[in-house]
C-alpha atoms as a PDB file:
ATOM      1  CA  MET A   1      65.363 -27.025 -22.422  1.00  0.00           C
ATOM      2  CA  GLY A   2      64.963 -23.382 -21.521  1.00  0.00           C
ATOM      3  CA  ASP A   3      64.051 -21.289 -18.559  1.00  0.00           C
ATOM      4  CA  HIS A   4      60.467 -21.983 -17.590  1.00  0.00           C
ATOM      5  CA  GLY A   5      60.574 -19.385 -14.780  1.00  0.00           C
ATOM      6  CA  GLU A   6      60.802 -16.490 -17.240  1.00  0.00           C
ATOM      7  CA  VAL A   7      57.802 -17.791 -19.239  1.00  0.00           C
ATOM      8  CA  ALA A   8      55.738 -18.233 -16.060  1.00  0.00           C
ATOM      9  CA  GLU A   9      56.603 -14.683 -14.930  1.00  0.00           C
ATOM     10  CA  GLN A  10      55.507 -13.235 -18.300  1.00  0.00           C
ATOM     11  CA  ARG A  11      52.293 -15.272 -18.218  1.00  0.00           C
ATOM     12  CA  GLY A  12      51.567 -13.964 -14.672  1.00  0.00           C
ATOM     13  CA  LYS A  13      52.014 -10.356 -15.831  1.00  0.00           C
ATOM     14  CA  GLN A  14      49.672 -10.964 -18.781  1.00  0.00           C
ATOM     15  CA  THR A  15      47.023 -12.418 -16.474  1.00  0.00           C
ATOM     16  CA  VAL A  16      47.146  -9.391 -14.145  1.00  0.00           C
ATOM     17  CA  ARG A  17      47.110  -7.023 -17.140  1.00  0.00           C
ATOM     18  CA  ASP A  18      44.097  -8.860 -18.654  1.00  0.00           C
ATOM     19  CA  MET A  19      42.250  -8.679 -15.342  1.00  0.00           C
ATOM     20  CA  VAL A  20      42.903  -4.930 -15.025  1.00  0.00           C
ATOM     21  CA  LEU A  21      41.736  -4.375 -18.614  1.00  0.00           C
ATOM     22  CA  SER A  22      38.586  -6.433 -17.980  1.00  0.00           C
ATOM     23  CA  ILE A  23      37.746  -4.391 -14.876  1.00  0.00           C
ATOM     24  CA  ALA A  24      38.327  -1.173 -16.837  1.00  0.00           C
ATOM     25  CA  VAL A  25      35.971  -2.319 -19.616  1.00  0.00           C
ATOM     26  CA  ILE A  26      33.299  -3.272 -17.065  1.00  0.00           C
ATOM     27  CA  GLY A  27      33.724   0.131 -15.384  1.00  0.00           C
ATOM     28  CA  VAL A  28      33.180   1.903 -18.714  1.00  0.00           C
ATOM     29  CA  VAL A  29      30.012  -0.129 -19.355  1.00  0.00           C
ATOM     30  CA  VAL A  30      28.651   0.606 -15.857  1.00  0.00           C
ATOM     31  CA  ALA A  31      29.423   4.324 -16.249  1.00  0.00           C
ATOM     32  CA  GLY A  32      27.646   4.333 -19.629  1.00  0.00           C
ATOM     33  CA  VAL A  33      24.580   2.666 -18.152  1.00  0.00           C
ATOM     34  CA  TYR A  34      24.543   5.149 -15.269  1.00  0.00           C
ATOM     35  CA  VAL A  35      24.834   8.155 -17.599  1.00  0.00           C
ATOM     36  CA  PHE A  36      22.508   7.062 -20.397  1.00  0.00           C
ATOM     37  CA  ILE A  37      19.724   5.146 -18.626  1.00  0.00           C
ATOM     38  CA  PRO A  38      17.012   7.613 -17.614  1.00  0.00           C
ATOM     39  CA  ARG A  39      16.232   7.856 -13.933  1.00  0.00           C
ATOM     40  CA  SER A  40      13.054   9.298 -12.548  1.00  0.00           C
ATOM     41  CA  GLY A  41      13.049  11.832  -9.776  1.00  0.00           C
ATOM     42  CA  HIS A  42       9.253  11.679  -9.793  1.00  0.00           C
ATOM     43  CA  ASP A  43       6.968  10.487  -7.054  1.00  0.00           C
ATOM     44  CA  PRO A  44       6.726   6.666  -7.191  1.00  0.00           C
ATOM     45  CA  VAL A  45       3.047   6.771  -6.177  1.00  0.00           C
ATOM     46  CA  HIS A  46       0.726   6.124  -9.099  1.00  0.00           C
ATOM     47  CA  PRO A  47      -2.690   7.585  -8.264  1.00  0.00           C
ATOM     48  CA  VAL A  48      -5.764   5.762  -9.533  1.00  0.00           C
ATOM     49  CA  SER A  49      -9.274   6.936 -10.226  1.00  0.00           C
ATOM     50  CA  TYR A  50     -11.886   5.169  -8.107  1.00  0.00           C
ATOM     51  CA  ARG A  51     -15.198   6.887  -8.937  1.00  0.00           C
ATOM     52  CA  VAL A  52     -16.422   4.252 -11.412  1.00  0.00           C
ATOM     53  CA  GLU A  53     -15.588   1.362  -9.058  1.00  0.00           C
ATOM     54  CA  LEU A  54     -17.227   3.201  -6.152  1.00  0.00           C
ATOM     55  CA  ASP A  55     -20.430   3.679  -8.148  1.00  0.00           C
ATOM     56  CA  LEU A  56     -20.437   0.023  -9.239  1.00  0.00           C
ATOM     57  CA  ALA A  57     -19.829  -1.195  -5.683  1.00  0.00           C
ATOM     58  CA  ARG A  58     -22.633   1.027  -4.363  1.00  0.00           C
ATOM     59  CA  ARG A  59     -25.055  -0.556  -6.834  1.00  0.00           C
ATOM     60  CA  ALA A  60     -23.936  -4.134  -6.148  1.00  0.00           C
ATOM     61  CA  ALA A  61     -23.121  -4.332  -2.433  1.00  0.00           C
ATOM     62  CA  PRO A  62     -25.751  -5.411   0.122  1.00  0.00           C
ATOM     63  CA  TYR A  63     -24.547  -2.669   2.518  1.00  0.00           C
ATOM     64  CA  PRO A  64     -24.018   1.096   2.104  1.00  0.00           C
ATOM     65  CA  VAL A  65     -20.568   1.438   0.501  1.00  0.00           C
ATOM     66  CA  ALA A  66     -18.530   4.337   1.893  1.00  0.00           C
ATOM     67  CA  GLY A  67     -16.336   6.639  -0.120  1.00  0.00           C
ATOM     68  CA  PRO A  68     -14.570   9.849   0.883  1.00  0.00           C
ATOM     69  CA  SER A  69     -15.909  13.286   0.186  1.00  0.00           C
ATOM     70  CA  GLY A  70     -14.009  16.519   0.682  1.00  0.00           C
ATOM     71  CA  LEU A  71     -10.481  15.176   1.161  1.00  0.00           C
ATOM     72  CA  SER A  72      -7.684  17.415  -0.089  1.00  0.00           C
ATOM     73  CA  ARG A  73      -5.848  16.544  -3.296  1.00  0.00           C
ATOM     74  CA  GLN A  74      -2.910  15.483  -1.104  1.00  0.00           C
ATOM     75  CA  TRP A  75      -4.825  12.269  -0.379  1.00  0.00           C
ATOM     76  CA  ARG A  76      -3.922  10.105  -3.371  1.00  0.00           C
ATOM     77  CA  ALA A  77      -5.926   6.968  -4.132  1.00  0.00           C
ATOM     78  CA  THR A  78      -3.554   4.133  -4.990  1.00  0.00           C
ATOM     79  CA  SER A  79      -5.724   1.007  -5.067  1.00  0.00           C
ATOM     80  CA  VAL A  80      -9.380   0.142  -5.451  1.00  0.00           C
ATOM     81  CA  SER A  81     -11.294  -3.129  -5.630  1.00  0.00           C
ATOM     82  CA  TYR A  82     -14.703  -4.620  -5.060  1.00  0.00           C
ATOM     83  CA  ASP A  83     -15.249  -8.356  -4.703  1.00  0.00           C
ATOM     84  CA  GLY A  84     -18.874  -9.401  -4.750  1.00  0.00           C
ATOM     85  CA  ALA A  85     -18.323 -13.062  -5.640  1.00  0.00           C
ATOM     86  CA  ASP A  86     -19.660 -14.285  -2.278  1.00  0.00           C
ATOM     87  CA  PRO A  87     -22.882 -12.441  -1.407  1.00  0.00           C
ATOM     88  CA  ARG A  88     -22.287 -13.209   2.290  1.00  0.00           C
ATOM     89  CA  ALA A  89     -18.792 -11.716   2.234  1.00  0.00           C
ATOM     90  CA  ASP A  90     -18.650  -8.794  -0.208  1.00  0.00           C
ATOM     91  CA  HIS A  91     -15.468  -6.751   0.173  1.00  0.00           C
ATOM     92  CA  TRP A  92     -14.862  -3.114  -0.766  1.00  0.00           C
ATOM     93  CA  HIS A  93     -11.306  -1.702  -0.610  1.00  0.00           C
ATOM     94  CA  LEU A  94     -10.016   1.791  -1.330  1.00  0.00           C
ATOM     95  CA  GLY A  95      -6.369   2.558  -0.495  1.00  0.00           C
ATOM     96  CA  PHE A  96      -4.684   5.946  -0.184  1.00  0.00           C
ATOM     97  CA  ILE A  97      -1.381   7.624   0.502  1.00  0.00           C
ATOM     98  CA  ASP A  98      -2.108  10.452   2.932  1.00  0.00           C
ATOM     99  CA  PRO A  99      -0.476  13.928   2.915  1.00  0.00           C
ATOM    100  CA  GLN A 100       2.387  12.619   5.106  1.00  0.00           C
ATOM    101  CA  ASN A 101       3.014   9.719   2.665  1.00  0.00           C
ATOM    102  CA  GLN A 102       1.502   7.129   4.994  1.00  0.00           C
ATOM    103  CA  TYR A 103      -0.864   4.354   3.945  1.00  0.00           C
ATOM    104  CA  ALA A 104      -4.563   4.585   4.810  1.00  0.00           C
ATOM    105  CA  ALA A 105      -7.447   2.507   3.485  1.00  0.00           C
ATOM    106  CA  ILE A 106     -11.155   1.912   3.714  1.00  0.00           C
ATOM    107  CA  GLU A 107     -12.192  -1.730   4.016  1.00  0.00           C
ATOM    108  CA  GLN A 108     -15.840  -2.802   4.132  1.00  0.00           C
ATOM    109  CA  THR A 109     -17.701  -6.094   4.233  1.00  0.00           C
ATOM    110  CA  ASN A 110     -20.919  -7.763   5.255  1.00  0.00           C
ATOM    111  CA  ALA A 111     -18.985 -10.800   6.576  1.00  0.00           C
ATOM    112  CA  GLY A 112     -18.328 -11.471  10.273  1.00  0.00           C
ATOM    113  CA  ALA A 113     -16.892  -8.374  11.919  1.00  0.00           C
ATOM    114  CA  ALA A 114     -14.340  -9.934  14.297  1.00  0.00           C
ATOM    115  CA  SER A 115     -12.607 -12.131  11.726  1.00  0.00           C
ATOM    116  CA  PHE A 116     -12.714  -9.389   9.087  1.00  0.00           C
ATOM    117  CA  ILE A 117     -11.148  -6.810  11.408  1.00  0.00           C
ATOM    118  CA  ALA A 118      -8.431  -9.256  12.517  1.00  0.00           C
ATOM    119  CA  SER A 119      -7.674 -10.092   8.894  1.00  0.00           C
ATOM    120  CA  VAL A 120      -7.479  -6.577   7.431  1.00  0.00           C
ATOM    121  CA  THR A 121      -5.614  -5.062  10.397  1.00  0.00           C
ATOM    122  CA  GLN A 122      -3.231  -8.017  10.458  1.00  0.00           C
ATOM    123  CA  GLN A 123      -3.989  -8.960  14.051  1.00  0.00           C
ATOM    124  CA  SER A 124      -4.352  -5.554  15.699  1.00  0.00           C
ATOM    125  CA  HIS A 125      -6.251  -5.634  18.983  1.00  0.00           C
ATOM    126  CA  ARG A 126      -8.975  -3.395  20.306  1.00  0.00           C
ATOM    127  CA  ASP A 127      -7.639  -0.593  22.510  1.00  0.00           C
ATOM    128  CA  GLY A 128     -10.487   1.827  23.140  1.00  0.00           C
ATOM    129  CA  THR A 129     -12.825   4.064  21.221  1.00  0.00           C
ATOM    130  CA  GLN A 130     -12.610   7.307  19.295  1.00  0.00           C
ATOM    131  CA  THR A 131     -15.415   9.659  18.333  1.00  0.00           C
ATOM    132  CA  VAL A 132     -15.276  10.932  14.765  1.00  0.00           C
ATOM    133  CA  SER A 133     -17.910  13.402  13.557  1.00  0.00           C
ATOM    134  CA  GLY A 134     -20.276  12.312  16.316  1.00  0.00           C
ATOM    135  CA  THR A 135     -19.876   8.576  15.596  1.00  0.00           C
ATOM    136  CA  THR A 136     -18.073   6.216  17.963  1.00  0.00           C
ATOM    137  CA  TRP A 137     -15.458   4.012  16.326  1.00  0.00           C
ATOM    138  CA  GLN A 138     -13.565   1.141  17.944  1.00  0.00           C
ATOM    139  CA  ARG A 139      -9.816   1.733  17.970  1.00  0.00           C
ATOM    140  CA  TYR A 140      -7.355  -1.052  17.126  1.00  0.00           C
ATOM    141  CA  GLY A 141      -3.566  -1.103  17.431  1.00  0.00           C
ATOM    142  CA  GLY A 142      -0.577  -3.274  18.159  1.00  0.00           C
ATOM    143  CA  GLY A 143      -0.668  -5.165  14.875  1.00  0.00           C
ATOM    144  CA  ARG A 144       0.663  -4.128  11.535  1.00  0.00           C
ATOM    145  CA  TYR A 145      -1.960  -1.388  11.158  1.00  0.00           C
ATOM    146  CA  ARG A 146      -3.745   1.105  13.354  1.00  0.00           C
ATOM    147  CA  ALA A 147      -7.463   1.046  12.707  1.00  0.00           C
ATOM    148  CA  LEU A 148     -10.822   2.591  13.420  1.00  0.00           C
ATOM    149  CA  ALA A 149     -13.755   0.211  12.966  1.00  0.00           C
ATOM    150  CA  ARG A 150     -17.502   0.314  13.290  1.00  0.00           C
ATOM    151  CA  THR A 151     -20.245  -2.180  12.606  1.00  0.00           C
ATOM    152  CA  THR A 152     -23.828  -1.421  11.665  1.00  0.00           C
ATOM    153  CA  THR A 153     -26.594  -3.929  12.205  1.00  0.00           C
ATOM    154  CA  GLY A 154     -29.816  -4.657  10.416  1.00  0.00           C
ATOM    155  CA  ALA A 155     -30.710  -6.033   7.039  1.00  0.00           C
ATOM    156  CA  HIS A 156     -28.121  -3.859   5.302  1.00  0.00           C
ATOM    157  CA  GLY A 157     -25.478  -3.908   8.030  1.00  0.00           C
ATOM    158  CA  GLY A 158     -21.775  -4.205   7.528  1.00  0.00           C
ATOM    159  CA  THR A 159     -18.374  -3.471   8.967  1.00  0.00           C
ATOM    160  CA  THR A 160     -16.293  -0.450   7.991  1.00  0.00           C
ATOM    161  CA  VAL A 161     -12.607  -0.321   8.887  1.00  0.00           C
ATOM    162  CA  VAL A 162     -10.341   2.666   8.247  1.00  0.00           C
ATOM    163  CA  LEU A 163      -6.797   1.420   8.701  1.00  0.00           C
ATOM    164  CA  GLY A 164      -3.187   2.027   7.830  1.00  0.00           C
ATOM    165  CA  THR A 165       0.246   3.131   8.914  1.00  0.00           C
ATOM    166  CA  ALA A 166      -1.054   6.688   9.171  1.00  0.00           C
ATOM    167  CA  PRO A 167      -1.524   8.142  12.668  1.00  0.00           C
ATOM    168  CA  TYR A 168      -4.971   7.961  14.266  1.00  0.00           C
ATOM    169  CA  SER A 169      -5.511  11.654  13.491  1.00  0.00           C
ATOM    170  CA  GLN A 170      -5.194  10.952   9.760  1.00  0.00           C
ATOM    171  CA  LEU A 171      -7.360   7.835  10.004  1.00  0.00           C
ATOM    172  CA  ALA A 172      -9.983   9.943  11.803  1.00  0.00           C
ATOM    173  CA  GLN A 173      -9.821  12.523   9.021  1.00  0.00           C
ATOM    174  CA  LEU A 174     -10.469   9.798   6.446  1.00  0.00           C
ATOM    175  CA  ALA A 175     -13.252   8.258   8.562  1.00  0.00           C
ATOM    176  CA  GLY A 176     -14.858  11.676   8.974  1.00  0.00           C
ATOM    177  CA  ALA A 177     -14.884  12.185   5.203  1.00  0.00           C
ATOM    178  CA  LEU A 178     -16.776   8.938   4.494  1.00  0.00           C
ATOM    179  CA  ARG A 179     -20.175   9.225   2.819  1.00  0.00           C
ATOM    180  CA  THR A 180     -22.428   6.413   1.657  1.00  0.00           C
ATOM    181  CA  SER A 181     -24.186   8.208  -1.175  1.00  0.00           C
END
Protein backbone atom coordinates (compact mmCIF):
# COMPACT_ATOMS: atom_id res chain seq x y z
CA MET A 1 0.00 0.00 0.00
CA GLY A 2 2.85 2.44 0.44
CA ASP A 3 4.39 4.51 3.14
CA HIS A 4 1.91 7.12 4.30
CA GLY A 5 4.43 8.63 6.75
CA GLU A 6 6.62 9.97 3.94
CA VAL A 7 3.61 11.60 2.21
CA ALA A 8 2.47 13.20 5.48
CA GLU A 9 5.98 14.56 6.12
CA GLN A 10 6.13 16.12 2.63
CA ARG A 11 2.66 17.61 3.06
CA GLY A 12 3.74 19.12 6.44
CA LYS A 13 6.79 20.74 4.82
CA GLN A 14 4.61 22.18 2.04
CA THR A 15 2.20 23.65 4.59
CA VAL A 16 5.02 25.37 6.51
CA ARG A 17 6.56 26.60 3.24
CA ASP A 18 3.18 27.96 2.06
CA MET A 19 2.68 29.75 5.38
CA VAL A 20 6.14 31.35 5.20
CA LEU A 21 5.49 32.45 1.60
CA SER A 22 2.10 33.91 2.59
CA ILE A 23 3.67 35.90 5.43
CA ALA A 24 6.38 37.15 3.06
CA VAL A 25 3.77 38.31 0.52
CA ILE A 26 1.79 40.09 3.25
CA GLY A 27 5.00 41.75 4.47
CA VAL A 28 5.73 43.04 0.96
CA VAL A 29 2.20 44.47 0.68
CA VAL A 30 2.45 46.17 4.09
CA ALA A 31 5.87 47.62 3.21
CA GLY A 32 4.46 48.93 -0.09
CA VAL A 33 1.54 50.57 1.68
CA TYR A 34 3.89 52.15 4.22
CA VAL A 35 6.22 53.50 1.52
CA PHE A 36 3.67 54.66 -1.04
CA ILE A 37 0.75 55.95 1.04
CA PRO A 38 1.34 59.63 1.81
CA ARG A 39 1.54 60.58 5.45
CA SER A 40 1.08 64.08 6.73
CA GLY A 41 3.47 65.65 9.16
CA HIS A 42 1.19 68.69 9.28
CA ASP A 43 -0.74 70.03 12.21
CA PRO A 44 -4.01 68.05 12.57
CA VAL A 45 -5.89 71.19 13.67
CA HIS A 46 -8.09 72.59 10.92
CA PRO A 47 -8.74 76.27 11.66
CA VAL A 48 -12.12 77.71 10.73
CA SER A 49 -13.24 81.22 10.00
CA TYR A 50 -15.91 82.47 12.40
CA ARG A 51 -16.49 86.13 11.46
CA VAL A 52 -19.63 85.53 9.37
CA GLU A 53 -21.22 83.32 12.05
CA LEU A 54 -20.30 85.85 14.74
CA ASP A 55 -21.97 88.66 12.80
CA LEU A 56 -25.09 86.54 12.18
CA ALA A 57 -25.30 85.52 15.84
CA ARG A 58 -24.92 89.15 16.96
CA ARG A 59 -27.89 90.13 14.78
CA ALA A 60 -30.08 87.21 15.88
CA ALA A 61 -29.33 86.61 19.56
CA PRO A 62 -31.39 88.28 22.31
CA TYR A 63 -28.19 88.96 24.30
CA PRO A 64 -24.87 90.64 23.40
CA VAL A 65 -22.83 87.92 21.66
CA ALA A 66 -19.14 87.95 22.62
CA GLY A 67 -16.27 87.35 20.26
CA PRO A 68 -12.53 87.76 20.80
CA SER A 69 -10.58 90.78 19.71
CA GLY A 70 -6.80 91.07 19.74
CA LEU A 71 -5.84 87.43 20.28
CA SER A 72 -2.58 86.34 18.67
CA ARG A 73 -2.63 84.18 15.55
CA GLN A 74 -1.56 81.27 17.77
CA TRP A 75 -5.18 81.06 18.95
CA ARG A 76 -6.79 78.94 16.23
CA ALA A 77 -10.58 78.78 15.94
CA THR A 78 -11.64 75.18 15.37
CA SER A 79 -15.43 75.19 15.76
CA VAL A 80 -18.25 77.69 15.60
CA SER A 81 -22.03 77.41 15.89
CA TYR A 82 -25.11 79.39 16.75
CA ASP A 83 -28.42 77.74 17.59
CA GLY A 84 -31.33 80.13 17.78
CA ALA A 85 -34.11 77.56 17.35
CA ASP A 86 -35.45 78.13 20.88
CA PRO A 87 -35.68 81.87 21.60
CA ARG A 88 -35.52 81.12 25.35
CA ALA A 89 -32.32 79.09 25.00
CA ASP A 90 -30.16 80.51 22.20
CA HIS A 91 -26.64 79.07 22.23
CA TRP A 92 -23.45 80.58 20.82
CA HIS A 93 -20.26 78.46 20.69
CA LEU A 94 -16.77 79.35 19.49
CA GLY A 95 -13.98 76.82 20.11
CA PHE A 96 -10.22 77.37 19.94
CA ILE A 97 -6.90 75.63 20.31
CA ASP A 98 -4.72 77.95 22.38
CA PRO A 99 -0.96 78.58 21.88
CA GLN A 100 -0.14 75.58 24.13
CA ASN A 101 -2.44 73.31 22.06
CA GLN A 102 -5.12 73.20 24.74
CA TYR A 103 -8.85 73.52 24.12
CA ALA A 104 -10.66 76.74 25.06
CA ALA A 105 -14.15 77.87 24.10
CA ILE A 106 -16.71 80.59 24.51
CA GLU A 107 -20.23 79.40 25.30
CA GLN A 108 -23.16 81.80 25.66
CA THR A 109 -26.88 81.47 26.23
CA ASN A 110 -29.95 83.22 27.55
CA ALA A 111 -31.16 79.97 29.19
CA GLY A 112 -30.89 79.23 32.92
CA ALA A 113 -27.35 79.88 34.12
CA ALA A 114 -26.88 77.01 36.60
CA SER A 115 -28.00 74.22 34.28
CA PHE A 116 -26.15 75.73 31.32
CA ILE A 117 -22.88 76.02 33.24
CA ALA A 118 -23.19 72.45 34.57
CA SER A 119 -23.88 71.18 31.07
CA VAL A 120 -21.09 72.94 29.16
CA THR A 121 -18.44 72.40 31.86
CA GLN A 122 -19.48 68.77 32.22
CA GLN A 123 -20.24 69.03 35.93
CA SER A 124 -17.48 71.34 37.14
CA HIS A 125 -18.22 73.02 40.46
CA ARG A 126 -17.79 76.59 41.57
CA ASP A 127 -14.48 77.18 43.36
CA GLY A 128 -14.05 80.93 43.76
CA THR A 129 -13.79 84.02 41.65
CA GLN A 130 -11.26 85.59 39.32
CA THR A 131 -11.05 89.19 38.15
CA VAL A 132 -10.37 89.62 34.45
CA SER A 133 -10.00 93.13 33.01
CA GLY A 134 -11.89 94.59 35.96
CA THR A 135 -14.80 92.11 35.71
CA THR A 136 -15.41 89.40 38.30
CA TRP A 137 -15.92 85.93 36.88
CA GLN A 138 -16.98 82.82 38.79
CA ARG A 139 -14.37 80.07 38.63
CA TYR A 140 -15.34 76.43 38.07
CA GLY A 141 -13.20 73.30 38.27
CA GLY A 142 -13.18 69.65 39.18
CA GLY A 143 -15.17 68.49 36.16
CA ARG A 144 -13.97 67.82 32.68
CA TYR A 145 -13.28 71.52 32.04
CA ARG A 146 -11.99 74.50 33.95
CA ALA A 147 -14.23 77.50 33.43
CA LEU A 148 -14.79 81.17 34.04
CA ALA A 149 -18.45 82.21 33.98
CA ARG A 150 -20.46 85.37 34.40
CA THR A 151 -24.13 86.18 34.11
CA THR A 152 -25.66 89.51 33.19
CA THR A 153 -29.20 90.39 34.13
CA GLY A 154 -31.84 92.55 32.54
CA ALA A 155 -33.88 92.34 29.39
CA HIS A 156 -30.85 91.36 27.32
CA GLY A 157 -29.06 89.29 29.95
CA GLY A 158 -27.26 86.05 29.38
CA THR A 159 -24.56 83.74 30.62
CA THR A 160 -21.03 83.69 29.20
CA VAL A 161 -18.73 80.77 29.97
CA VAL A 162 -15.09 80.57 28.89
CA LEU A 163 -14.03 76.97 29.39
CA GLY A 164 -11.60 74.30 28.34
CA THR A 165 -8.62 72.15 29.17
CA ALA A 166 -6.43 75.25 29.02
CA PRO A 167 -5.09 76.63 32.31
CA TYR A 168 -7.00 79.44 34.02
CA SER A 169 -4.39 81.94 32.80
CA GLN A 170 -5.23 81.10 29.18
CA LEU A 171 -8.97 81.13 29.88
CA ALA A 172 -8.53 84.57 31.48
CA GLN A 173 -6.67 85.76 28.39
CA LEU A 174 -9.57 84.63 26.20
CA ALA A 175 -12.15 86.15 28.57
CA GLY A 176 -10.23 89.42 28.60
CA ALA A 177 -10.28 89.55 24.79
CA LEU A 178 -14.09 89.24 24.56
CA ARG A 179 -15.98 92.11 22.96
CA THR A 180 -19.69 92.32 22.23
CA SER A 181 -19.57 94.65 19.25
